[in-house]
N, C-alpha and C. Protein backbone atom coordinates (compact mmCIF):
# COMPACT_ATOMS: atom_id res chain seq x y z
N UNK A 1 12.94 13.82 -11.33
CA UNK A 1 12.04 13.69 -10.21
C UNK A 1 11.80 12.21 -9.94
N UNK A 2 11.87 11.84 -8.66
CA UNK A 2 11.63 10.46 -8.24
C UNK A 2 10.49 10.47 -7.22
N UNK A 3 9.48 9.64 -7.45
CA UNK A 3 8.34 9.55 -6.55
C UNK A 3 8.42 8.23 -5.79
N UNK A 4 8.74 8.31 -4.52
CA UNK A 4 8.87 7.16 -3.62
C UNK A 4 9.75 6.05 -4.21
N UNK A 5 11.01 6.36 -4.47
CA UNK A 5 11.88 5.36 -5.09
C UNK A 5 12.17 4.14 -4.22
N UNK A 6 11.95 4.24 -2.91
CA UNK A 6 12.27 3.10 -2.05
C UNK A 6 11.08 2.18 -1.78
N UNK A 7 9.91 2.51 -2.31
CA UNK A 7 8.74 1.66 -2.08
C UNK A 7 8.98 0.25 -2.59
N UNK A 8 8.59 -0.72 -1.78
CA UNK A 8 8.66 -2.15 -2.12
C UNK A 8 10.09 -2.68 -2.27
N UNK A 9 11.09 -1.92 -1.83
CA UNK A 9 12.47 -2.39 -1.90
C UNK A 9 12.92 -2.84 -0.52
N UNK A 10 13.78 -3.87 -0.47
CA UNK A 10 14.33 -4.27 0.81
C UNK A 10 15.46 -3.30 1.18
N UNK A 11 16.04 -3.47 2.35
CA UNK A 11 17.03 -2.53 2.87
C UNK A 11 18.22 -2.36 1.94
N UNK A 12 18.76 -3.46 1.44
CA UNK A 12 19.92 -3.39 0.56
C UNK A 12 19.58 -2.66 -0.74
N UNK A 13 18.41 -2.96 -1.31
CA UNK A 13 18.00 -2.30 -2.55
C UNK A 13 17.73 -0.81 -2.32
N UNK A 14 17.19 -0.45 -1.15
CA UNK A 14 16.95 0.97 -0.85
C UNK A 14 18.26 1.75 -0.83
N UNK A 15 19.27 1.16 -0.22
CA UNK A 15 20.57 1.82 -0.17
C UNK A 15 21.16 1.97 -1.57
N UNK A 16 21.06 0.93 -2.39
CA UNK A 16 21.56 1.01 -3.77
C UNK A 16 20.81 2.08 -4.56
N UNK A 17 19.49 2.14 -4.40
CA UNK A 17 18.70 3.15 -5.10
C UNK A 17 19.11 4.55 -4.66
N UNK A 18 19.30 4.74 -3.35
CA UNK A 18 19.70 6.04 -2.84
C UNK A 18 21.08 6.45 -3.36
N UNK A 19 22.01 5.51 -3.39
CA UNK A 19 23.36 5.80 -3.91
C UNK A 19 23.28 6.17 -5.39
N UNK A 20 22.47 5.45 -6.14
CA UNK A 20 22.30 5.74 -7.57
C UNK A 20 21.72 7.13 -7.78
N UNK A 21 20.69 7.48 -7.01
CA UNK A 21 20.07 8.80 -7.15
C UNK A 21 21.07 9.89 -6.79
N UNK A 22 21.82 9.71 -5.69
CA UNK A 22 22.81 10.72 -5.30
C UNK A 22 23.91 10.86 -6.36
N UNK A 23 24.21 9.79 -7.08
CA UNK A 23 25.26 9.85 -8.11
C UNK A 23 24.85 10.71 -9.30
N UNK A 24 23.57 11.00 -9.43
CA UNK A 24 23.07 11.80 -10.55
C UNK A 24 23.24 13.30 -10.34
N UNK A 25 23.61 13.71 -9.14
CA UNK A 25 23.73 15.13 -8.82
C UNK A 25 24.94 15.74 -9.54
N UNK A 26 24.71 16.88 -10.18
CA UNK A 26 25.77 17.69 -10.78
C UNK A 26 25.51 19.14 -10.38
N UNK A 27 26.50 20.03 -10.53
CA UNK A 27 26.29 21.43 -10.13
C UNK A 27 25.14 22.12 -10.87
N UNK A 28 24.81 21.66 -12.07
CA UNK A 28 23.75 22.31 -12.84
C UNK A 28 22.46 21.47 -12.92
N UNK A 29 22.28 20.53 -12.01
CA UNK A 29 21.10 19.65 -12.05
C UNK A 29 20.46 19.56 -10.67
N UNK A 30 19.15 19.74 -10.64
CA UNK A 30 18.37 19.56 -9.42
C UNK A 30 17.70 18.20 -9.46
N UNK A 31 17.61 17.56 -8.33
CA UNK A 31 16.90 16.29 -8.23
C UNK A 31 15.86 16.45 -7.13
N UNK A 32 14.63 16.11 -7.47
CA UNK A 32 13.52 16.19 -6.51
C UNK A 32 13.09 14.76 -6.19
N UNK A 33 12.99 14.46 -4.90
CA UNK A 33 12.59 13.13 -4.45
C UNK A 33 11.41 13.28 -3.49
N UNK A 34 10.33 12.57 -3.77
CA UNK A 34 9.20 12.47 -2.85
C UNK A 34 9.37 11.15 -2.13
N UNK A 35 9.51 11.19 -0.81
CA UNK A 35 9.83 9.97 -0.07
C UNK A 35 9.15 10.00 1.30
N UNK A 36 8.65 8.84 1.73
CA UNK A 36 8.01 8.72 3.04
C UNK A 36 8.87 7.96 4.04
N UNK A 37 9.91 7.31 3.59
CA UNK A 37 10.82 6.59 4.48
C UNK A 37 11.83 7.62 5.00
N UNK A 38 11.73 7.96 6.29
CA UNK A 38 12.57 9.02 6.84
C UNK A 38 14.05 8.69 6.80
N UNK A 39 14.43 7.43 6.92
CA UNK A 39 15.85 7.09 6.87
C UNK A 39 16.40 7.30 5.46
N UNK A 40 15.64 6.93 4.44
CA UNK A 40 16.07 7.17 3.06
C UNK A 40 16.10 8.66 2.78
N UNK A 41 15.07 9.37 3.25
CA UNK A 41 15.00 10.81 3.07
C UNK A 41 16.21 11.50 3.71
N UNK A 42 16.57 11.08 4.90
CA UNK A 42 17.71 11.64 5.60
C UNK A 42 19.00 11.42 4.82
N UNK A 43 19.18 10.23 4.27
CA UNK A 43 20.38 9.91 3.51
C UNK A 43 20.45 10.66 2.18
N UNK A 44 19.31 10.77 1.50
CA UNK A 44 19.28 11.33 0.15
C UNK A 44 19.35 12.85 0.10
N UNK A 45 18.81 13.51 1.09
CA UNK A 45 18.50 14.94 0.98
C UNK A 45 19.64 15.87 1.34
N UNK A 46 19.66 17.00 0.64
CA UNK A 46 20.47 18.14 1.03
C UNK A 46 19.56 19.18 1.69
N UNK A 47 18.31 19.26 1.22
CA UNK A 47 17.29 20.15 1.77
C UNK A 47 15.95 19.41 1.75
N UNK A 48 15.04 19.85 2.63
CA UNK A 48 13.71 19.23 2.69
C UNK A 48 12.64 20.31 2.67
N UNK A 49 11.62 20.09 1.84
CA UNK A 49 10.41 20.90 1.84
C UNK A 49 9.28 19.99 2.32
N UNK A 50 8.46 20.48 3.22
CA UNK A 50 7.30 19.71 3.69
C UNK A 50 6.08 20.13 2.89
N UNK A 51 5.24 19.17 2.54
CA UNK A 51 4.01 19.44 1.81
C UNK A 51 2.83 19.11 2.71
N UNK A 52 1.83 19.98 2.71
CA UNK A 52 0.62 19.73 3.49
C UNK A 52 -0.55 20.40 2.80
N UNK A 53 -1.76 20.04 3.21
CA UNK A 53 -2.94 20.64 2.62
C UNK A 53 -4.17 19.82 2.88
N UNK A 54 -5.22 20.14 2.13
CA UNK A 54 -6.50 19.44 2.22
C UNK A 54 -6.84 18.94 0.82
N UNK A 55 -7.15 17.64 0.67
CA UNK A 55 -7.47 17.11 -0.66
C UNK A 55 -8.60 17.89 -1.34
N UNK A 56 -8.42 18.16 -2.61
CA UNK A 56 -9.40 18.87 -3.45
C UNK A 56 -9.66 20.30 -2.98
N UNK A 57 -8.79 20.83 -2.11
CA UNK A 57 -8.99 22.20 -1.64
C UNK A 57 -7.73 23.05 -1.86
N UNK A 58 -6.63 22.67 -1.20
CA UNK A 58 -5.39 23.43 -1.36
C UNK A 58 -4.20 22.57 -0.96
N UNK A 59 -3.03 22.98 -1.40
CA UNK A 59 -1.79 22.32 -1.05
C UNK A 59 -0.71 23.37 -0.88
N UNK A 60 0.18 23.16 0.06
CA UNK A 60 1.24 24.12 0.36
C UNK A 60 2.58 23.39 0.40
N UNK A 61 3.61 24.03 -0.15
CA UNK A 61 4.98 23.53 -0.07
C UNK A 61 5.77 24.56 0.72
N UNK A 62 6.44 24.12 1.79
CA UNK A 62 7.23 25.04 2.61
C UNK A 62 8.51 25.43 1.87
N UNK A 63 9.14 26.45 2.38
CA UNK A 63 10.47 26.81 1.90
C UNK A 63 11.43 25.68 2.28
N UNK A 64 12.56 25.55 1.61
CA UNK A 64 13.51 24.48 1.95
C UNK A 64 14.10 24.67 3.35
N UNK A 65 14.25 23.56 4.05
CA UNK A 65 14.89 23.53 5.36
C UNK A 65 16.07 22.58 5.30
N UNK A 66 16.96 22.69 6.29
CA UNK A 66 18.04 21.69 6.39
C UNK A 66 17.38 20.34 6.62
N UNK A 67 18.11 19.27 6.38
CA UNK A 67 17.54 17.92 6.52
C UNK A 67 17.03 17.70 7.94
N UNK A 68 17.85 18.00 8.91
CA UNK A 68 17.46 17.79 10.31
C UNK A 68 16.22 18.61 10.66
N UNK A 69 16.23 19.88 10.29
CA UNK A 69 15.11 20.76 10.60
C UNK A 69 13.85 20.33 9.86
N UNK A 70 13.98 19.94 8.59
CA UNK A 70 12.83 19.51 7.81
C UNK A 70 12.17 18.26 8.37
N UNK A 71 12.98 17.28 8.77
CA UNK A 71 12.42 16.05 9.36
C UNK A 71 11.75 16.37 10.69
N UNK A 72 12.37 17.22 11.50
CA UNK A 72 11.76 17.59 12.78
C UNK A 72 10.46 18.37 12.60
N UNK A 73 10.39 19.23 11.59
CA UNK A 73 9.16 19.96 11.29
C UNK A 73 8.07 18.97 10.88
N UNK A 74 8.42 18.02 10.03
CA UNK A 74 7.44 17.01 9.62
C UNK A 74 6.92 16.23 10.82
N UNK A 75 7.83 15.77 11.68
CA UNK A 75 7.42 14.99 12.85
C UNK A 75 6.59 15.81 13.83
N UNK A 76 6.96 17.08 14.00
CA UNK A 76 6.23 17.94 14.94
C UNK A 76 4.89 18.40 14.39
N UNK A 77 4.77 18.49 13.05
CA UNK A 77 3.53 18.98 12.46
C UNK A 77 3.37 20.48 12.56
N UNK A 78 4.48 21.18 12.75
CA UNK A 78 4.44 22.63 12.96
C UNK A 78 5.58 23.29 12.19
N UNK A 79 5.26 24.33 11.40
CA UNK A 79 6.26 25.07 10.64
C UNK A 79 6.52 26.38 11.39
N UNK A 80 7.64 26.49 12.11
CA UNK A 80 7.88 27.69 12.93
C UNK A 80 8.05 28.97 12.12
N UNK A 81 8.62 28.89 10.93
CA UNK A 81 8.83 30.11 10.13
C UNK A 81 7.50 30.69 9.64
N UNK A 82 6.47 29.87 9.56
CA UNK A 82 5.16 30.35 9.13
C UNK A 82 4.15 30.35 10.28
N UNK A 83 4.61 29.97 11.49
CA UNK A 83 3.76 29.88 12.66
C UNK A 83 2.47 29.13 12.33
N UNK A 84 2.65 27.95 11.73
CA UNK A 84 1.50 27.19 11.23
C UNK A 84 1.59 25.73 11.65
N UNK A 85 0.51 25.24 12.22
CA UNK A 85 0.43 23.82 12.58
C UNK A 85 -0.40 23.13 11.51
N UNK A 86 0.20 22.14 10.82
CA UNK A 86 -0.53 21.41 9.78
C UNK A 86 -1.01 20.04 10.26
N UNK A 87 -0.66 19.66 11.47
CA UNK A 87 -1.15 18.42 12.07
C UNK A 87 -1.40 18.71 13.54
N UNK A 88 -2.53 18.23 14.06
CA UNK A 88 -2.90 18.54 15.45
C UNK A 88 -1.95 17.92 16.47
N UNK A 89 -1.44 16.73 16.18
CA UNK A 89 -0.56 16.07 17.14
C UNK A 89 0.80 15.79 16.51
N UNK A 90 1.82 15.82 17.32
CA UNK A 90 3.17 15.50 16.86
C UNK A 90 3.33 13.99 16.76
N UNK A 91 4.22 13.56 15.87
CA UNK A 91 4.58 12.15 15.79
C UNK A 91 5.76 11.95 16.72
N UNK A 92 5.59 11.11 17.74
CA UNK A 92 6.62 10.93 18.77
C UNK A 92 7.02 9.47 18.82
N UNK A 93 8.32 9.22 18.85
CA UNK A 93 8.85 7.87 19.01
C UNK A 93 9.25 7.70 20.46
N UNK A 94 8.64 6.73 21.14
CA UNK A 94 8.95 6.50 22.54
C UNK A 94 9.93 5.34 22.66
N UNK A 95 10.89 5.48 23.54
CA UNK A 95 11.88 4.43 23.77
C UNK A 95 11.34 3.47 24.82
N UNK A 96 11.43 2.17 24.55
CA UNK A 96 10.84 1.16 25.42
C UNK A 96 11.40 1.19 26.84
N UNK A 97 12.67 1.52 27.01
CA UNK A 97 13.25 1.51 28.35
C UNK A 97 12.59 2.51 29.28
N UNK A 98 11.94 3.54 28.73
CA UNK A 98 11.33 4.55 29.58
C UNK A 98 9.93 4.17 30.02
N UNK A 99 9.38 3.10 29.47
CA UNK A 99 8.03 2.70 29.83
C UNK A 99 8.00 2.13 31.25
N UNK A 100 6.93 2.43 31.95
CA UNK A 100 6.71 1.91 33.29
C UNK A 100 6.49 0.40 33.19
N UNK A 101 7.18 -0.39 34.03
CA UNK A 101 7.09 -1.85 33.97
C UNK A 101 5.66 -2.35 34.15
N UNK A 102 4.90 -1.72 35.04
CA UNK A 102 3.50 -2.12 35.25
C UNK A 102 2.68 -1.89 33.98
N UNK A 103 2.94 -0.78 33.31
CA UNK A 103 2.22 -0.47 32.08
C UNK A 103 2.55 -1.48 30.99
N UNK A 104 3.82 -1.88 30.89
CA UNK A 104 4.23 -2.86 29.89
C UNK A 104 3.55 -4.19 30.16
N UNK A 105 3.50 -4.63 31.42
CA UNK A 105 2.84 -5.89 31.76
C UNK A 105 1.36 -5.84 31.40
N UNK A 106 0.73 -4.70 31.65
CA UNK A 106 -0.70 -4.55 31.36
C UNK A 106 -0.97 -4.61 29.86
N UNK A 107 -0.04 -4.12 29.06
CA UNK A 107 -0.25 -4.05 27.61
C UNK A 107 0.09 -5.34 26.88
N UNK A 108 0.72 -6.31 27.53
CA UNK A 108 1.09 -7.56 26.85
C UNK A 108 -0.16 -8.25 26.32
N UNK A 109 -0.21 -8.42 25.02
CA UNK A 109 -1.39 -9.03 24.42
C UNK A 109 -1.06 -10.21 23.53
N UNK A 110 0.11 -10.26 22.96
CA UNK A 110 0.39 -11.22 21.90
C UNK A 110 1.55 -12.14 22.27
N UNK A 111 1.38 -13.41 21.99
CA UNK A 111 2.45 -14.38 22.18
C UNK A 111 2.63 -15.14 20.87
N UNK A 112 3.85 -15.55 20.60
CA UNK A 112 4.11 -16.36 19.42
C UNK A 112 4.97 -17.55 19.83
N UNK A 113 4.76 -18.71 19.17
CA UNK A 113 5.47 -19.93 19.55
C UNK A 113 6.88 -19.97 18.97
N UNK A 114 7.67 -20.89 19.49
CA UNK A 114 8.99 -21.14 18.92
C UNK A 114 8.79 -21.77 17.54
N UNK A 115 9.56 -21.34 16.55
CA UNK A 115 9.44 -21.90 15.21
C UNK A 115 10.78 -21.87 14.51
N UNK A 116 10.86 -22.59 13.42
CA UNK A 116 12.10 -22.63 12.66
C UNK A 116 11.86 -23.01 11.22
N UNK A 117 12.82 -22.70 10.38
CA UNK A 117 12.71 -23.00 8.95
C UNK A 117 14.12 -23.18 8.41
N UNK A 118 14.30 -24.19 7.57
CA UNK A 118 15.58 -24.41 6.91
C UNK A 118 15.34 -24.44 5.41
N UNK A 119 16.13 -23.67 4.69
CA UNK A 119 16.08 -23.65 3.23
C UNK A 119 17.51 -23.75 2.74
N UNK A 120 17.86 -24.90 2.20
CA UNK A 120 19.24 -25.11 1.76
C UNK A 120 20.16 -25.05 2.96
N UNK A 121 21.17 -24.19 2.89
CA UNK A 121 22.11 -24.06 3.99
C UNK A 121 21.68 -23.01 5.01
N UNK A 122 20.60 -22.29 4.71
CA UNK A 122 20.14 -21.23 5.61
C UNK A 122 19.14 -21.79 6.62
N UNK A 123 19.33 -21.45 7.88
CA UNK A 123 18.41 -21.87 8.93
C UNK A 123 17.97 -20.65 9.72
N UNK A 124 16.67 -20.53 9.90
CA UNK A 124 16.09 -19.45 10.71
C UNK A 124 15.47 -20.09 11.93
N UNK A 125 15.89 -19.67 13.12
CA UNK A 125 15.32 -20.16 14.36
C UNK A 125 14.74 -18.98 15.11
N UNK A 126 13.48 -19.09 15.49
CA UNK A 126 12.79 -18.02 16.20
C UNK A 126 12.40 -18.55 17.58
N UNK A 127 12.86 -17.89 18.62
CA UNK A 127 12.49 -18.27 19.97
C UNK A 127 11.09 -17.74 20.24
N UNK A 128 10.28 -18.51 20.94
CA UNK A 128 8.95 -18.04 21.32
C UNK A 128 9.06 -16.79 22.17
N UNK A 129 8.06 -15.98 22.14
CA UNK A 129 8.11 -14.75 22.92
C UNK A 129 6.78 -14.04 22.93
N UNK A 130 6.84 -12.80 23.30
CA UNK A 130 5.64 -11.99 23.37
C UNK A 130 5.98 -10.55 23.03
N UNK A 131 4.97 -9.80 22.66
CA UNK A 131 5.14 -8.39 22.40
C UNK A 131 3.84 -7.68 22.71
N UNK A 132 3.94 -6.38 22.88
CA UNK A 132 2.76 -5.58 23.20
C UNK A 132 2.33 -4.81 21.97
N UNK A 133 1.14 -4.26 22.05
CA UNK A 133 0.67 -3.47 20.92
C UNK A 133 1.29 -2.07 20.93
N UNK A 134 2.23 -1.83 21.84
CA UNK A 134 2.92 -0.54 21.85
C UNK A 134 4.36 -0.68 21.37
N UNK A 135 4.71 -1.84 20.80
CA UNK A 135 6.07 -2.06 20.33
C UNK A 135 6.10 -2.15 18.81
N UNK A 136 7.23 -1.79 18.26
CA UNK A 136 7.46 -1.95 16.83
C UNK A 136 8.61 -2.93 16.69
N UNK A 137 8.37 -4.02 15.98
CA UNK A 137 9.43 -5.01 15.74
C UNK A 137 9.76 -4.99 14.26
N UNK A 138 11.04 -5.00 13.95
CA UNK A 138 11.47 -4.89 12.56
C UNK A 138 12.40 -6.05 12.23
N UNK A 139 12.18 -6.65 11.07
CA UNK A 139 13.11 -7.65 10.55
C UNK A 139 13.72 -7.04 9.30
N UNK A 140 15.02 -6.95 9.27
CA UNK A 140 15.71 -6.38 8.13
C UNK A 140 16.44 -7.46 7.38
N UNK A 141 16.46 -7.34 6.08
CA UNK A 141 17.21 -8.30 5.30
C UNK A 141 17.03 -8.04 3.82
N UNK A 142 17.75 -8.80 3.03
CA UNK A 142 17.68 -8.61 1.59
C UNK A 142 16.35 -9.02 1.00
N UNK A 143 15.75 -10.04 1.56
CA UNK A 143 14.50 -10.51 0.99
C UNK A 143 13.64 -11.07 2.11
N UNK A 144 12.52 -10.43 2.40
CA UNK A 144 11.65 -10.86 3.49
C UNK A 144 10.60 -11.85 3.07
N UNK A 145 10.60 -12.30 1.81
CA UNK A 145 9.55 -13.20 1.32
C UNK A 145 9.43 -14.46 2.16
N UNK A 146 10.54 -15.05 2.51
CA UNK A 146 10.53 -16.28 3.29
C UNK A 146 9.87 -16.04 4.65
N UNK A 147 10.05 -14.85 5.21
CA UNK A 147 9.51 -14.58 6.53
C UNK A 147 7.99 -14.47 6.50
N UNK A 148 7.40 -14.01 5.41
CA UNK A 148 5.94 -13.90 5.41
C UNK A 148 5.23 -15.07 4.78
N UNK A 149 5.87 -15.87 4.00
CA UNK A 149 5.17 -16.97 3.34
C UNK A 149 5.58 -18.36 3.80
N UNK A 150 6.78 -18.52 4.33
CA UNK A 150 7.33 -19.85 4.50
C UNK A 150 6.89 -20.66 5.70
N UNK A 151 6.25 -20.06 6.70
CA UNK A 151 5.91 -20.82 7.90
C UNK A 151 4.44 -20.67 8.25
N UNK A 152 3.87 -21.73 8.82
CA UNK A 152 2.55 -21.56 9.40
C UNK A 152 2.75 -21.32 10.90
N UNK A 153 1.68 -21.18 11.68
CA UNK A 153 1.81 -20.85 13.09
C UNK A 153 2.61 -21.88 13.89
N UNK A 154 2.60 -23.14 13.47
CA UNK A 154 3.34 -24.18 14.18
C UNK A 154 4.81 -24.20 13.78
N UNK A 155 5.18 -23.43 12.77
CA UNK A 155 6.56 -23.43 12.30
C UNK A 155 6.81 -24.45 11.22
N UNK A 156 5.75 -25.13 10.74
CA UNK A 156 5.91 -26.11 9.67
C UNK A 156 6.05 -25.40 8.33
N UNK A 157 7.00 -25.83 7.50
CA UNK A 157 7.16 -25.19 6.19
C UNK A 157 5.93 -25.38 5.32
N UNK A 158 5.61 -24.35 4.56
CA UNK A 158 4.52 -24.41 3.59
C UNK A 158 5.06 -23.97 2.25
N UNK A 159 4.64 -24.61 1.21
CA UNK A 159 5.05 -24.20 -0.13
C UNK A 159 4.04 -23.20 -0.67
N UNK A 160 4.45 -21.97 -0.95
CA UNK A 160 3.52 -20.99 -1.48
C UNK A 160 3.13 -21.33 -2.92
N UNK A 161 1.86 -21.05 -3.26
CA UNK A 161 1.41 -21.29 -4.62
C UNK A 161 1.74 -20.12 -5.52
N UNK A 162 1.79 -18.93 -4.97
CA UNK A 162 2.12 -17.73 -5.74
C UNK A 162 3.42 -17.14 -5.21
N UNK A 163 4.17 -16.49 -6.06
CA UNK A 163 5.40 -15.83 -5.64
C UNK A 163 5.08 -14.38 -5.28
N UNK A 164 4.36 -14.18 -4.20
CA UNK A 164 4.04 -12.85 -3.73
C UNK A 164 4.37 -12.76 -2.26
N UNK A 165 4.48 -11.55 -1.76
CA UNK A 165 4.77 -11.34 -0.35
C UNK A 165 3.86 -10.24 0.16
N UNK A 166 3.25 -10.44 1.31
CA UNK A 166 2.41 -9.41 1.88
C UNK A 166 2.63 -9.35 3.38
N UNK A 167 2.32 -8.20 3.96
CA UNK A 167 2.43 -8.02 5.39
C UNK A 167 1.15 -7.37 5.87
N UNK A 168 0.54 -7.93 6.89
CA UNK A 168 -0.68 -7.35 7.45
C UNK A 168 -0.28 -6.16 8.31
N UNK A 169 -0.96 -5.03 8.10
CA UNK A 169 -0.69 -3.83 8.87
C UNK A 169 -1.99 -3.36 9.50
N UNK A 170 -1.92 -2.98 10.76
CA UNK A 170 -3.08 -2.43 11.45
C UNK A 170 -2.85 -0.96 11.68
N UNK A 171 -3.83 -0.16 11.34
CA UNK A 171 -3.70 1.29 11.51
C UNK A 171 -4.76 1.76 12.47
């Protein structure tokens, strides 16, 4: 059993962990993975069971579904075989191209300046820009530490005192 094996791993490490876990499968061995990263879950799984309930009251595990069906049930918040809704609203991913241009202009709230950082032979250049609070921006790479600690708002390098990395999240 693996409980969130991809937590705190970068993209390359997540793939290696998933490959390692899949390599453990044999005809007489079951592997159970609890995972919240849908891309890792999609890669790792042969079947998916959704878990839902109320803390300190009850918990339910659905029957196994195909990977596609299980992920869609989780996103929809509804189990059709049991005619049961475990979440009031569905989780929906909206594509930016479908947004009304006027709505996008109205939602623009954040701007960031042009910045850059050089470490050894590696150079990162970021063009100034803007984003709305309805967008999700993702930076993928082997190690994101430099991206969260290495620059101040003006783009000037800063030497971190601790070797830690954090990301501010708003919910």
